[in-house]
Amino acid sequence: MTKAELIEKMAVRAKISKRAAGIALNTFVESVTNALVSGDKVALVGFGTFSVSQRKARTARNPRTGEPIQVPAKRAPKFKAGRDLKNSVK
């Protein structure tokens, strides 16, 4: 499902305009992003939890040449599905 398709479904389901649904979706994405940037977790009970994980620096290999490459430590977004979401996907 694309973002446009999601906006369409939100608009129909909530009986609002596509513009209002687009604003709502963009606000949600922006709010989650800002929370993760500031180090917070976003928990939607039954759906899942968005968080940030810290990845350690490591040595990897260039698949073409086989030479070692240093990969720096970084923060990465993470999503853990909630129980209701897991059960509905079965």
PDB file of N, CA and C in Angstrom:
ATOM      1  N   MET A   1       0.853  -1.175   0.000  1.00  0.00           N
ATOM      2  CA  MET A   1       0.000   0.000   0.000  1.00  0.00           C
ATOM      3  C   MET A   1       0.895   1.232   0.000  1.00  0.00           C
ATOM      4  N   THR A   2       0.583   2.167  -0.869  1.00  0.00           N
ATOM      5  CA  THR A   2       1.352   3.404  -0.947  1.00  0.00           C
ATOM      6  C   THR A   2       0.756   4.446   0.010  1.00  0.00           C
ATOM      7  N   LYS A   3       1.482   5.527   0.184  1.00  0.00           N
ATOM      8  CA  LYS A   3       1.002   6.601   1.050  1.00  0.00           C
ATOM      9  C   LYS A   3      -0.318   7.164   0.521  1.00  0.00           C
ATOM     10  N   ALA A   4      -0.422   7.328  -0.789  1.00  0.00           N
ATOM     11  CA  ALA A   4      -1.645   7.862  -1.389  1.00  0.00           C
ATOM     12  C   ALA A   4      -2.830   6.925  -1.151  1.00  0.00           C
ATOM     13  N   GLU A   5      -2.590   5.627  -1.255  1.00  0.00           N
ATOM     14  CA  GLU A   5      -3.656   4.652  -1.005  1.00  0.00           C
ATOM     15  C   GLU A   5      -4.083   4.670   0.464  1.00  0.00           C
ATOM     16  N   LEU A   6      -3.110   4.834   1.355  1.00  0.00           N
ATOM     17  CA  LEU A   6      -3.424   4.913   2.781  1.00  0.00           C
ATOM     18  C   LEU A   6      -4.256   6.162   3.075  1.00  0.00           C
ATOM     19  N   ILE A   7      -3.893   7.278   2.499  1.00  0.00           N
ATOM     20  CA  ILE A   7      -4.651   8.522   2.680  1.00  0.00           C
ATOM     21  C   ILE A   7      -6.074   8.340   2.172  1.00  0.00           C
ATOM     22  N   GLU A   8      -6.227   7.694   1.023  1.00  0.00           N
ATOM     23  CA  GLU A   8      -7.559   7.423   0.463  1.00  0.00           C
ATOM     24  C   GLU A   8      -8.405   6.595   1.433  1.00  0.00           C
ATOM     25  N   LYS A   9      -7.823   5.522   1.964  1.00  0.00           N
ATOM     26  CA  LYS A   9      -8.561   4.666   2.898  1.00  0.00           C
ATOM     27  C   LYS A   9      -8.919   5.410   4.182  1.00  0.00           C
ATOM     28  N   MET A  10      -7.982   6.223   4.690  1.00  0.00           N
ATOM     29  CA  MET A  10      -8.253   7.005   5.894  1.00  0.00           C
ATOM     30  C   MET A  10      -9.401   7.978   5.656  1.00  0.00           C
ATOM     31  N   ALA A  11      -9.403   8.625   4.499  1.00  0.00           N
ATOM     32  CA  ALA A  11     -10.434   9.615   4.174  1.00  0.00           C
ATOM     33  C   ALA A  11     -11.807   8.954   4.087  1.00  0.00           C
ATOM     34  N   VAL A  12     -11.882   7.822   3.418  1.00  0.00           N
ATOM     35  CA  VAL A  12     -13.161   7.115   3.273  1.00  0.00           C
ATOM     36  C   VAL A  12     -13.647   6.607   4.624  1.00  0.00           C
ATOM     37  N   ARG A  13     -12.759   5.975   5.369  1.00  0.00           N
ATOM     38  CA  ARG A  13     -13.136   5.374   6.655  1.00  0.00           C
ATOM     39  C   ARG A  13     -13.569   6.421   7.683  1.00  0.00           C
ATOM     40  N   ALA A  14     -12.857   7.548   7.734  1.00  0.00           N
ATOM     41  CA  ALA A  14     -13.161   8.590   8.714  1.00  0.00           C
ATOM     42  C   ALA A  14     -14.172   9.607   8.192  1.00  0.00           C
ATOM     43  N   LYS A  15     -14.558   9.450   6.923  1.00  0.00           N
ATOM     44  CA  LYS A  15     -15.509  10.375   6.287  1.00  0.00           C
ATOM     45  C   LYS A  15     -15.008  11.816   6.348  1.00  0.00           C
ATOM     46  N   ILE A  16     -13.741  11.980   5.946  1.00  0.00           N
ATOM     47  CA  ILE A  16     -13.127  13.300   5.877  1.00  0.00           C
ATOM     48  C   ILE A  16     -12.531  13.465   4.482  1.00  0.00           C
ATOM     49  N   SER A  17     -12.063  14.660   4.175  1.00  0.00           N
ATOM     50  CA  SER A  17     -11.469  14.901   2.865  1.00  0.00           C
ATOM     51  C   SER A  17     -10.090  14.245   2.788  1.00  0.00           C
ATOM     52  N   LYS A  18      -9.639  14.020   1.558  1.00  0.00           N
ATOM     53  CA  LYS A  18      -8.298  13.467   1.371  1.00  0.00           C
ATOM     54  C   LYS A  18      -7.249  14.432   1.904  1.00  0.00           C
ATOM     55  N   ARG A  19      -7.509  15.714   1.753  1.00  0.00           N
ATOM     56  CA  ARG A  19      -6.569  16.725   2.248  1.00  0.00           C
ATOM     57  C   ARG A  19      -6.414  16.615   3.759  1.00  0.00           C
ATOM     58  N   ALA A  20      -7.542  16.496   4.473  1.00  0.00           N
ATOM     59  CA  ALA A  20      -7.496  16.374   5.933  1.00  0.00           C
ATOM     60  C   ALA A  20      -6.809  15.071   6.346  1.00  0.00           C
ATOM     61  N   ALA A  21      -7.070  13.991   5.616  1.00  0.00           N
ATOM     62  CA  ALA A  21      -6.420  12.714   5.919  1.00  0.00           C
ATOM     63  C   ALA A  21      -4.921  12.800   5.676  1.00  0.00           C
ATOM     64  N   GLY A  22      -4.525  13.493   4.604  1.00  0.00           N
ATOM     65  CA  GLY A  22      -3.106  13.679   4.317  1.00  0.00           C
ATOM     66  C   GLY A  22      -2.405  14.486   5.397  1.00  0.00           C
ATOM     67  N   ILE A  23      -3.073  15.531   5.866  1.00  0.00           N
ATOM     68  CA  ILE A  23      -2.508  16.349   6.944  1.00  0.00           C
ATOM     69  C   ILE A  23      -2.364  15.508   8.213  1.00  0.00           C
ATOM     70  N   ALA A  24      -3.375  14.705   8.515  1.00  0.00           N
ATOM     71  CA  ALA A  24      -3.327  13.851   9.711  1.00  0.00           C
ATOM     72  C   ALA A  24      -2.179  12.848   9.618  1.00  0.00           C
ATOM     73  N   LEU A  25      -2.030  12.205   8.479  1.00  0.00           N
ATOM     74  CA  LEU A  25      -0.964  11.222   8.311  1.00  0.00           C
ATOM     75  C   LEU A  25       0.409  11.883   8.384  1.00  0.00           C
ATOM     76  N   ASN A  26       0.574  13.012   7.707  1.00  0.00           N
ATOM     77  CA  ASN A  26       1.856  13.722   7.751  1.00  0.00           C
ATOM     78  C   ASN A  26       2.189  14.186   9.164  1.00  0.00           C
ATOM     79  N   THR A  27       1.182  14.620   9.915  1.00  0.00           N
ATOM     80  CA  THR A  27       1.392  15.046  11.296  1.00  0.00           C
ATOM     81  C   THR A  27       1.824  13.867  12.155  1.00  0.00           C
ATOM     82  N   PHE A  28       1.196  12.707  11.948  1.00  0.00           N
ATOM     83  CA  PHE A  28       1.570  11.507  12.691  1.00  0.00           C
ATOM     84  C   PHE A  28       3.028  11.128  12.407  1.00  0.00           C
ATOM     85  N   VAL A  29       3.394  11.070  11.128  1.00  0.00           N
ATOM     86  CA  VAL A  29       4.761  10.699  10.748  1.00  0.00           C
ATOM     87  C   VAL A  29       5.765  11.691  11.315  1.00  0.00           C
ATOM     88  N   GLU A  30       5.454  12.970  11.217  1.00  0.00           N
ATOM     89  CA  GLU A  30       6.343  14.019  11.738  1.00  0.00           C
ATOM     90  C   GLU A  30       6.496  13.917  13.255  1.00  0.00           C
ATOM     91  N   SER A  31       5.401  13.642  13.948  1.00  0.00           N
ATOM     92  CA  SER A  31       5.438  13.531  15.410  1.00  0.00           C
ATOM     93  C   SER A  31       6.261  12.333  15.854  1.00  0.00           C
ATOM     94  N   VAL A  32       6.104  11.200  15.181  1.00  0.00           N
ATOM     95  CA  VAL A  32       6.892  10.009  15.518  1.00  0.00           C
ATOM     96  C   VAL A  32       8.361  10.277  15.239  1.00  0.00           C
ATOM     97  N   THR A  33       8.658  10.882  14.104  1.00  0.00           N
ATOM     98  CA  THR A  33      10.038  11.194  13.744  1.00  0.00           C
ATOM     99  C   THR A  33      10.678  12.110  14.781  1.00  0.00           C
ATOM    100  N   ASN A  34       9.982  13.172  15.171  1.00  0.00           N
ATOM    101  CA  ASN A  34      10.523  14.104  16.167  1.00  0.00           C
ATOM    102  C   ASN A  34      10.750  13.422  17.512  1.00  0.00           C
ATOM    103  N   ALA A  35       9.855  12.542  17.900  1.00  0.00           N
ATOM    104  CA  ALA A  35      10.015  11.819  19.161  1.00  0.00           C
ATOM    105  C   ALA A  35      11.252  10.921  19.111  1.00  0.00           C
ATOM    106  N   LEU A  36      11.453  10.225  18.006  1.00  0.00           N
ATOM    107  CA  LEU A  36      12.615   9.339  17.880  1.00  0.00           C
ATOM    108  C   LEU A  36      13.914  10.121  17.840  1.00  0.00           C
ATOM    109  N   VAL A  37      13.913  11.267  17.155  1.00  0.00           N
ATOM    110  CA  VAL A  37      15.112  12.104  17.099  1.00  0.00           C
ATOM    111  C   VAL A  37      15.501  12.570  18.495  1.00  0.00           C
ATOM    112  N   SER A  38      14.509  12.873  19.325  1.00  0.00           N
ATOM    113  CA  SER A  38      14.813  13.338  20.682  1.00  0.00           C
ATOM    114  C   SER A  38      15.058  12.188  21.655  1.00  0.00           C
ATOM    115  N   GLY A  39      15.018  10.942  21.166  1.00  0.00           N
ATOM    116  CA  GLY A  39      15.351   9.800  22.010  1.00  0.00           C
ATOM    117  C   GLY A  39      14.175   9.155  22.720  1.00  0.00           C
ATOM    118  N   ASP A  40      12.956   9.594  22.437  1.00  0.00           N
ATOM    119  CA  ASP A  40      11.773   9.022  23.073  1.00  0.00           C
ATOM    120  C   ASP A  40      11.301   7.782  22.316  1.00  0.00           C
ATOM    121  N   LYS A  41      10.469   6.988  22.996  1.00  0.00           N
ATOM    122  CA  LYS A  41       9.795   5.857  22.365  1.00  0.00           C
ATOM    123  C   LYS A  41       8.349   6.267  22.104  1.00  0.00           C
ATOM    124  N   VAL A  42       7.745   5.702  21.067  1.00  0.00           N
ATOM    125  CA  VAL A  42       6.336   5.943  20.764  1.00  0.00           C
ATOM    126  C   VAL A  42       5.638   4.593  20.822  1.00  0.00           C
ATOM    127  N   ALA A  43       4.751   4.419  21.806  1.00  0.00           N
ATOM    128  CA  ALA A  43       4.058   3.145  21.996  1.00  0.00           C
ATOM    129  C   ALA A  43       2.580   3.320  21.675  1.00  0.00           C
ATOM    130  N   LEU A  44       2.105   2.538  20.719  1.00  0.00           N
ATOM    131  CA  LEU A  44       0.690   2.504  20.362  1.00  0.00           C
ATOM    132  C   LEU A  44       0.180   1.139  20.811  1.00  0.00           C
ATOM    133  N   VAL A  45      -0.517   1.107  21.928  1.00  0.00           N
ATOM    134  CA  VAL A  45      -0.938  -0.150  22.542  1.00  0.00           C
ATOM    135  C   VAL A  45      -1.704  -0.994  21.531  1.00  0.00           C
ATOM    136  N   GLY A  46      -1.280  -2.245  21.387  1.00  0.00           N
ATOM    137  CA  GLY A  46      -1.906  -3.175  20.465  1.00  0.00           C
ATOM    138  C   GLY A  46      -1.316  -3.127  19.071  1.00  0.00           C
ATOM    139  N   PHE A  47      -0.757  -1.985  18.678  1.00  0.00           N
ATOM    140  CA  PHE A  47      -0.184  -1.855  17.331  1.00  0.00           C
ATOM    141  C   PHE A  47       1.312  -2.118  17.354  1.00  0.00           C
ATOM    142  N   GLY A  48       2.040  -1.376  18.198  1.00  0.00           N
ATOM    143  CA  GLY A  48       3.476  -1.582  18.278  1.00  0.00           C
ATOM    144  C   GLY A  48       4.203  -0.405  18.888  1.00  0.00           C
ATOM    145  N   THR A  49       5.527  -0.533  18.936  1.00  0.00           N
ATOM    146  CA  THR A  49       6.366   0.482  19.548  1.00  0.00           C
ATOM    147  C   THR A  49       7.475   0.889  18.590  1.00  0.00           C
ATOM    148  N   PHE A  50       7.605   2.187  18.401  1.00  0.00           N
ATOM    149  CA  PHE A  50       8.701   2.749  17.623  1.00  0.00           C
ATOM    150  C   PHE A  50       9.778   3.177  18.616  1.00  0.00           C
ATOM    151  N   SER A  51      11.028   2.837  18.340  1.00  0.00           N
ATOM    152  CA  SER A  51      12.123   3.226  19.222  1.00  0.00           C
ATOM    153  C   SER A  51      13.384   3.402  18.386  1.00  0.00           C
ATOM    154  N   VAL A  52      14.470   3.772  19.059  1.00  0.00           N
ATOM    155  CA  VAL A  52      15.757   3.947  18.396  1.00  0.00           C
ATOM    156  C   VAL A  52      16.734   2.969  19.026  1.00  0.00           C
ATOM    157  N   SER A  53      17.461   2.229  18.193  1.00  0.00           N
ATOM    158  CA  SER A  53      18.474   1.318  18.719  1.00  0.00           C
ATOM    159  C   SER A  53      19.854   1.853  18.362  1.00  0.00           C
ATOM    160  N   GLN A  54      20.803   1.588  19.231  1.00  0.00           N
ATOM    161  CA  GLN A  54      22.184   2.018  19.015  1.00  0.00           C
ATOM    162  C   GLN A  54      22.953   0.851  18.413  1.00  0.00           C
ATOM    163  N   ARG A  55      23.524   1.048  17.241  1.00  0.00           N
ATOM    164  CA  ARG A  55      24.331   0.010  16.605  1.00  0.00           C
ATOM    165  C   ARG A  55      25.803   0.307  16.838  1.00  0.00           C
ATOM    166  N   LYS A  56      26.550  -0.716  17.226  1.00  0.00           N
ATOM    167  CA  LYS A  56      27.974  -0.552  17.501  1.00  0.00           C
ATOM    168  C   LYS A  56      28.767  -0.446  16.206  1.00  0.00           C
ATOM    169  N   ALA A  57      29.947   0.142  16.306  1.00  0.00           N
ATOM    170  CA  ALA A  57      30.862   0.176  15.171  1.00  0.00           C
ATOM    171  C   ALA A  57      31.315  -1.257  14.895  1.00  0.00           C
ATOM    172  N   ARG A  58      31.567  -1.557  13.626  1.00  0.00           N
ATOM    173  CA  ARG A  58      31.971  -2.923  13.289  1.00  0.00           C
ATOM    174  C   ARG A  58      32.833  -2.907  12.033  1.00  0.00           C
ATOM    175  N   THR A  59      33.451  -4.043  11.776  1.00  0.00           N
ATOM    176  CA  THR A  59      34.230  -4.214  10.562  1.00  0.00           C
ATOM    177  C   THR A  59      33.428  -5.089   9.610  1.00  0.00           C
ATOM    178  N   ALA A  60      33.240  -4.614   8.389  1.00  0.00           N
ATOM    179  CA  ALA A  60      32.527  -5.366   7.360  1.00  0.00           C
ATOM    180  C   ALA A  60      33.495  -5.627   6.209  1.00  0.00           C
ATOM    181  N   ARG A  61      33.032  -6.352   5.208  1.00  0.00           N
ATOM    182  CA  ARG A  61      33.864  -6.630   4.033  1.00  0.00           C
ATOM    183  C   ARG A  61      33.197  -6.111   2.775  1.00  0.00           C
ATOM    184  N   ASN A  62      34.000  -5.524   1.908  1.00  0.00           N
ATOM    185  CA  ASN A  62      33.527  -5.109   0.599  1.00  0.00           C
ATOM    186  C   ASN A  62      33.302  -6.392  -0.206  1.00  0.00           C
ATOM    187  N   PRO A  63      32.058  -6.663  -0.660  1.00  0.00           N
ATOM    188  CA  PRO A  63      31.810  -7.930  -1.355  1.00  0.00           C
ATOM    189  C   PRO A  63      32.564  -8.068  -2.681  1.00  0.00           C
ATOM    190  N   ARG A  64      32.894  -6.959  -3.310  1.00  0.00           N
ATOM    191  CA  ARG A  64      33.587  -7.018  -4.598  1.00  0.00           C
ATOM    192  C   ARG A  64      35.072  -7.330  -4.424  1.00  0.00           C
ATOM    193  N   THR A  65      35.723  -6.629  -3.469  1.00  0.00           N
ATOM    194  CA  THR A  65      37.174  -6.789  -3.317  1.00  0.00           C
ATOM    195  C   THR A  65      37.566  -7.640  -2.128  1.00  0.00           C
ATOM    196  N   GLY A  66      36.669  -7.798  -1.171  1.00  0.00           N
ATOM    197  CA  GLY A  66      36.977  -8.569   0.029  1.00  0.00           C
ATOM    198  C   GLY A  66      37.761  -7.787   1.071  1.00  0.00           C
ATOM    199  N   GLU A  67      38.053  -6.526   0.785  1.00  0.00           N
ATOM    200  CA  GLU A  67      38.835  -5.742   1.742  1.00  0.00           C
ATOM    201  C   GLU A  67      37.955  -5.272   2.904  1.00  0.00           C
ATOM    202  N   PRO A  68      38.516  -5.210   4.109  1.00  0.00           N
ATOM    203  CA  PRO A  68      37.740  -4.791   5.282  1.00  0.00           C
ATOM    204  C   PRO A  68      37.378  -3.312   5.235  1.00  0.00           C
ATOM    205  N   ILE A  69      36.190  -2.988   5.742  1.00  0.00           N
ATOM    206  CA  ILE A  69      35.690  -1.622   5.793  1.00  0.00           C
ATOM    207  C   ILE A  69      35.204  -1.363   7.210  1.00  0.00           C
ATOM    208  N   GLN A  70      35.515  -0.195   7.740  1.00  0.00           N
ATOM    209  CA  GLN A  70      35.030   0.178   9.064  1.00  0.00           C
ATOM    210  C   GLN A  70      33.654   0.824   8.930  1.00  0.00           C
ATOM    211  N   VAL A  71      32.654   0.248   9.598  1.00  0.00           N
ATOM    212  CA  VAL A  71      31.309   0.808   9.609  1.00  0.00           C
ATOM    213  C   VAL A  71      31.142   1.517  10.955  1.00  0.00           C
ATOM    214  N   PRO A  72      30.867   2.818  10.939  1.00  0.00           N
ATOM    215  CA  PRO A  72      30.783   3.560  12.204  1.00  0.00           C
ATOM    216  C   PRO A  72      29.523   3.208  13.005  1.00  0.00           C
ATOM    217  N   ALA A  73      29.560   3.511  14.291  1.00  0.00           N
ATOM    218  CA  ALA A  73      28.382   3.335  15.143  1.00  0.00           C
ATOM    219  C   ALA A  73      27.307   4.305  14.690  1.00  0.00           C
ATOM    220  N   LYS A  74      26.056   3.898  14.856  1.00  0.00           N
ATOM    221  CA  LYS A  74      24.970   4.796  14.469  1.00  0.00           C
ATOM    222  C   LYS A  74      23.695   4.433  15.206  1.00  0.00           C
ATOM    223  N   ARG A  75      22.749   5.345  15.155  1.00  0.00           N
ATOM    224  CA  ARG A  75      21.409   5.120  15.705  1.00  0.00           C
ATOM    225  C   ARG A  75      20.493   4.744  14.551  1.00  0.00           C
ATOM    226  N   ALA A  76      19.607   3.765  14.795  1.00  0.00           N
ATOM    227  CA  ALA A  76      18.707   3.320  13.739  1.00  0.00           C
ATOM    228  C   ALA A  76      17.293   3.183  14.289  1.00  0.00           C
ATOM    229  N   PRO A  77      16.280   3.582  13.514  1.00  0.00           N
ATOM    230  CA  PRO A  77      14.901   3.415  13.972  1.00  0.00           C
ATOM    231  C   PRO A  77      14.531   1.937  14.006  1.00  0.00           C
ATOM    232  N   LYS A  78      13.635   1.600  14.933  1.00  0.00           N
ATOM    233  CA  LYS A  78      13.234   0.209  15.122  1.00  0.00           C
ATOM    234  C   LYS A  78      11.738   0.170  15.413  1.00  0.00           C
ATOM    235  N   PHE A  79      11.052  -0.859  14.919  1.00  0.00           N
ATOM    236  CA  PHE A  79       9.632  -1.039  15.199  1.00  0.00           C
ATOM    237  C   PHE A  79       9.411  -2.445  15.711  1.00  0.00           C
ATOM    238  N   LYS A  80       8.707  -2.554  16.823  1.00  0.00           N
ATOM    239  CA  LYS A  80       8.349  -3.863  17.375  1.00  0.00           C
ATOM    240  C   LYS A  80       6.827  -3.953  17.351  1.00  0.00           C
ATOM    241  N   ALA A  81       6.304  -4.941  16.617  1.00  0.00           N
ATOM    242  CA  ALA A  81       4.860  -5.097  16.481  1.00  0.00           C
ATOM    243  C   ALA A  81       4.237  -5.502  17.812  1.00  0.00           C
ATOM    244  N   GLY A  82       3.047  -4.961  18.075  1.00  0.00           N
ATOM    245  CA  GLY A  82       2.312  -5.289  19.285  1.00  0.00           C
ATOM    246  C   GLY A  82       1.531  -6.599  19.123  1.00  0.00           C
ATOM    247  N   ARG A  83       1.001  -7.091  20.225  1.00  0.00           N
ATOM    248  CA  ARG A  83       0.293  -8.366  20.241  1.00  0.00           C
ATOM    249  C   ARG A  83      -0.894  -8.395  19.292  1.00  0.00           C
ATOM    250  N   ASP A  84      -1.730  -7.359  19.313  1.00  0.00           N
ATOM    251  CA  ASP A  84      -2.906  -7.338  18.433  1.00  0.00           C
ATOM    252  C   ASP A  84      -2.519  -7.379  16.964  1.00  0.00           C
ATOM    253  N   LEU A  85      -1.481  -6.636  16.582  1.00  0.00           N
ATOM    254  CA  LEU A  85      -1.026  -6.627  15.199  1.00  0.00           C
ATOM    255  C   LEU A  85      -0.481  -7.998  14.815  1.00  0.00           C
ATOM    256  N   LYS A  86       0.312  -8.609  15.685  1.00  0.00           N
ATOM    257  CA  LYS A  86       0.855  -9.941  15.407  1.00  0.00           C
ATOM    258  C   LYS A  86      -0.264 -10.958  15.232  1.00  0.00           C
ATOM    259  N   ASN A  87      -1.273 -10.900  16.096  1.00  0.00           N
ATOM    260  CA  ASN A  87      -2.354 -11.864  16.035  1.00  0.00           C
ATOM    261  C   ASN A  87      -3.216 -11.693  14.789  1.00  0.00           C
ATOM    262  N   SER A  88      -3.392 -10.476  14.326  1.00  0.00           N
ATOM    263  CA  SER A  88      -4.232 -10.248  13.159  1.00  0.00           C
ATOM    264  C   SER A  88      -3.545 -10.650  11.852  1.00  0.00           C
ATOM    265  N   VAL A  89      -2.214 -10.718  11.860  1.00  0.00           N
ATOM    266  CA  VAL A  89      -1.467 -11.064  10.656  1.00  0.00           C
ATOM    267  C   VAL A  89      -1.344 -12.580  10.474  1.00  0.00           C
ATOM    268  N   LYS A  90      -1.552 -13.324  11.521  1.00  0.00           N
ATOM    269  CA  LYS A  90      -1.404 -14.804  11.467  1.00  0.00           C
ATOM    270  C   LYS A  90      -2.094 -15.418  10.301  1.00  0.00           C
TER     271      LYS A  90
END
